[in-house]
Amino acid sequence: MKTKEIKIKLVKSAIARKPHQSKTLKALGLTKINQIVTKKDNDAIRGMIATVAHLVEVQ
């Protein structure tokens, strides 16, 4: 069975954001603007994306 993957792109900076949002971005592996990471599509990752939805773009 093939697992689904999603691509997450950081479109806005984590500067001047709440600490839990910055930590969530770091946990996703996003440190630079326009950086794209590929993660497995599961509930934990979806929850992290929801936390920083205004900073990222899901492709």
N, C-alpha and C. Protein backbone atom coordinates (compact mmCIF):
# COMPACT_ATOMS: atom_id res chain seq x y z
N MET A 1 0.83 -1.18 0.00
CA MET A 1 0.00 0.00 0.00
C MET A 1 0.88 1.25 0.00
N LYS A 2 0.62 2.14 -0.90
CA LYS A 2 1.41 3.35 -1.02
C LYS A 2 0.87 4.43 -0.09
N THR A 3 1.78 5.09 0.64
CA THR A 3 1.35 6.16 1.53
C THR A 3 1.32 7.48 0.77
N LYS A 4 0.34 8.30 1.08
CA LYS A 4 0.23 9.60 0.43
C LYS A 4 1.22 10.56 1.07
N GLU A 5 1.70 11.48 0.26
CA GLU A 5 2.61 12.51 0.75
C GLU A 5 2.10 13.87 0.31
N ILE A 6 2.39 14.87 1.11
CA ILE A 6 2.01 16.23 0.76
C ILE A 6 3.26 17.10 0.78
N LYS A 7 3.25 18.14 -0.05
CA LYS A 7 4.35 19.09 -0.09
C LYS A 7 3.88 20.36 0.62
N ILE A 8 4.74 20.87 1.49
CA ILE A 8 4.43 22.06 2.26
C ILE A 8 5.48 23.12 1.94
N LYS A 9 5.02 24.32 1.60
CA LYS A 9 5.93 25.40 1.22
C LYS A 9 5.74 26.56 2.20
N LEU A 10 6.84 27.07 2.74
CA LEU A 10 6.80 28.23 3.63
C LEU A 10 6.71 29.49 2.78
N VAL A 11 5.65 30.28 2.95
CA VAL A 11 5.47 31.48 2.14
C VAL A 11 5.62 32.77 2.93
N LYS A 12 5.51 32.70 4.26
CA LYS A 12 5.71 33.88 5.09
C LYS A 12 6.69 33.55 6.21
N SER A 13 7.37 34.56 6.69
CA SER A 13 8.41 34.38 7.70
C SER A 13 7.82 34.07 9.07
N ALA A 14 8.61 33.40 9.89
CA ALA A 14 8.22 33.09 11.26
C ALA A 14 8.64 34.19 12.22
N ILE A 15 9.25 35.24 11.71
CA ILE A 15 9.67 36.35 12.55
C ILE A 15 8.44 37.06 13.10
N ALA A 16 8.48 37.42 14.38
CA ALA A 16 7.41 38.13 15.07
C ALA A 16 6.13 37.30 15.17
N ARG A 17 6.26 35.98 15.20
CA ARG A 17 5.12 35.08 15.39
C ARG A 17 5.19 34.54 16.81
N LYS A 18 4.10 33.95 17.25
CA LYS A 18 4.06 33.35 18.58
C LYS A 18 5.03 32.17 18.63
N PRO A 19 5.61 31.93 19.80
CA PRO A 19 6.62 30.87 19.90
C PRO A 19 6.14 29.49 19.46
N HIS A 20 4.88 29.15 19.74
CA HIS A 20 4.42 27.81 19.34
C HIS A 20 4.31 27.68 17.82
N GLN A 21 4.08 28.80 17.13
CA GLN A 21 4.04 28.74 15.67
C GLN A 21 5.44 28.56 15.09
N SER A 22 6.42 29.25 15.65
CA SER A 22 7.80 29.10 15.19
C SER A 22 8.30 27.68 15.43
N LYS A 23 7.95 27.11 16.58
CA LYS A 23 8.38 25.75 16.89
C LYS A 23 7.70 24.74 15.98
N THR A 24 6.47 25.00 15.61
CA THR A 24 5.76 24.10 14.70
C THR A 24 6.42 24.11 13.32
N LEU A 25 6.80 25.29 12.84
CA LEU A 25 7.48 25.37 11.55
C LEU A 25 8.81 24.62 11.59
N LYS A 26 9.54 24.77 12.68
CA LYS A 26 10.82 24.08 12.82
C LYS A 26 10.61 22.57 12.86
N ALA A 27 9.55 22.13 13.53
CA ALA A 27 9.25 20.70 13.61
C ALA A 27 8.86 20.14 12.24
N LEU A 28 8.25 20.96 11.40
CA LEU A 28 7.93 20.55 10.04
C LEU A 28 9.17 20.55 9.14
N GLY A 29 10.24 21.19 9.60
CA GLY A 29 11.46 21.24 8.81
C GLY A 29 11.55 22.46 7.92
N LEU A 30 10.73 23.47 8.22
CA LEU A 30 10.72 24.68 7.42
C LEU A 30 11.48 25.78 8.14
N THR A 31 12.56 26.26 7.51
CA THR A 31 13.37 27.30 8.13
C THR A 31 13.53 28.53 7.24
N LYS A 32 13.39 28.37 5.94
CA LYS A 32 13.61 29.48 5.01
C LYS A 32 12.37 29.68 4.14
N ILE A 33 12.12 30.91 3.75
CA ILE A 33 10.99 31.21 2.88
C ILE A 33 11.20 30.52 1.53
N ASN A 34 10.12 30.04 0.95
CA ASN A 34 10.07 29.31 -0.32
C ASN A 34 10.67 27.91 -0.22
N GLN A 35 10.98 27.46 0.97
CA GLN A 35 11.48 26.10 1.16
C GLN A 35 10.31 25.13 1.10
N ILE A 36 10.50 24.01 0.45
CA ILE A 36 9.46 23.00 0.31
C ILE A 36 9.93 21.71 0.96
N VAL A 37 9.06 21.12 1.79
CA VAL A 37 9.35 19.82 2.40
C VAL A 37 8.22 18.86 2.04
N THR A 38 8.55 17.58 1.97
CA THR A 38 7.57 16.54 1.70
C THR A 38 7.38 15.72 2.95
N LYS A 39 6.13 15.59 3.37
CA LYS A 39 5.80 14.85 4.59
C LYS A 39 4.70 13.85 4.29
N LYS A 40 4.62 12.80 5.12
CA LYS A 40 3.53 11.84 5.01
C LYS A 40 2.22 12.52 5.39
N ASP A 41 1.15 12.18 4.70
CA ASP A 41 -0.15 12.78 4.97
C ASP A 41 -0.84 12.00 6.07
N ASN A 42 -0.80 12.55 7.30
CA ASN A 42 -1.50 11.93 8.42
C ASN A 42 -2.10 13.03 9.30
N ASP A 43 -2.83 12.62 10.31
CA ASP A 43 -3.53 13.58 11.15
C ASP A 43 -2.58 14.51 11.91
N ALA A 44 -1.45 14.01 12.35
CA ALA A 44 -0.50 14.83 13.10
C ALA A 44 0.04 15.96 12.24
N ILE A 45 0.42 15.64 11.02
CA ILE A 45 0.95 16.66 10.11
C ILE A 45 -0.14 17.64 9.72
N ARG A 46 -1.35 17.15 9.49
CA ARG A 46 -2.48 18.03 9.16
C ARG A 46 -2.76 19.01 10.30
N GLY A 47 -2.64 18.56 11.54
CA GLY A 47 -2.83 19.44 12.68
C GLY A 47 -1.76 20.52 12.76
N MET A 48 -0.52 20.14 12.44
CA MET A 48 0.58 21.11 12.44
C MET A 48 0.36 22.15 11.34
N ILE A 49 -0.11 21.70 10.19
CA ILE A 49 -0.39 22.63 9.08
C ILE A 49 -1.50 23.59 9.48
N ALA A 50 -2.51 23.09 10.16
CA ALA A 50 -3.63 23.95 10.60
C ALA A 50 -3.15 25.05 11.55
N THR A 51 -2.14 24.73 12.37
CA THR A 51 -1.60 25.69 13.33
C THR A 51 -0.93 26.87 12.62
N VAL A 52 -0.28 26.60 11.50
CA VAL A 52 0.46 27.64 10.78
C VAL A 52 -0.08 27.83 9.36
N ALA A 53 -1.37 27.65 9.19
CA ALA A 53 -1.98 27.70 7.85
C ALA A 53 -1.78 29.04 7.16
N HIS A 54 -1.68 30.12 7.94
CA HIS A 54 -1.50 31.45 7.36
C HIS A 54 -0.06 31.71 6.92
N LEU A 55 0.85 30.80 7.23
CA LEU A 55 2.27 30.96 6.88
C LEU A 55 2.72 29.99 5.79
N VAL A 56 1.95 28.94 5.55
CA VAL A 56 2.37 27.90 4.61
C VAL A 56 1.35 27.73 3.49
N GLU A 57 1.80 27.02 2.47
CA GLU A 57 0.95 26.67 1.33
C GLU A 57 1.12 25.18 1.08
N VAL A 58 0.00 24.47 0.99
CA VAL A 58 0.05 23.02 0.74
C VAL A 58 -0.11 22.79 -0.75
N GLN A 59 0.81 22.01 -1.31
CA GLN A 59 0.78 21.75 -2.76
C GLN A 59 0.35 20.33 -3.02
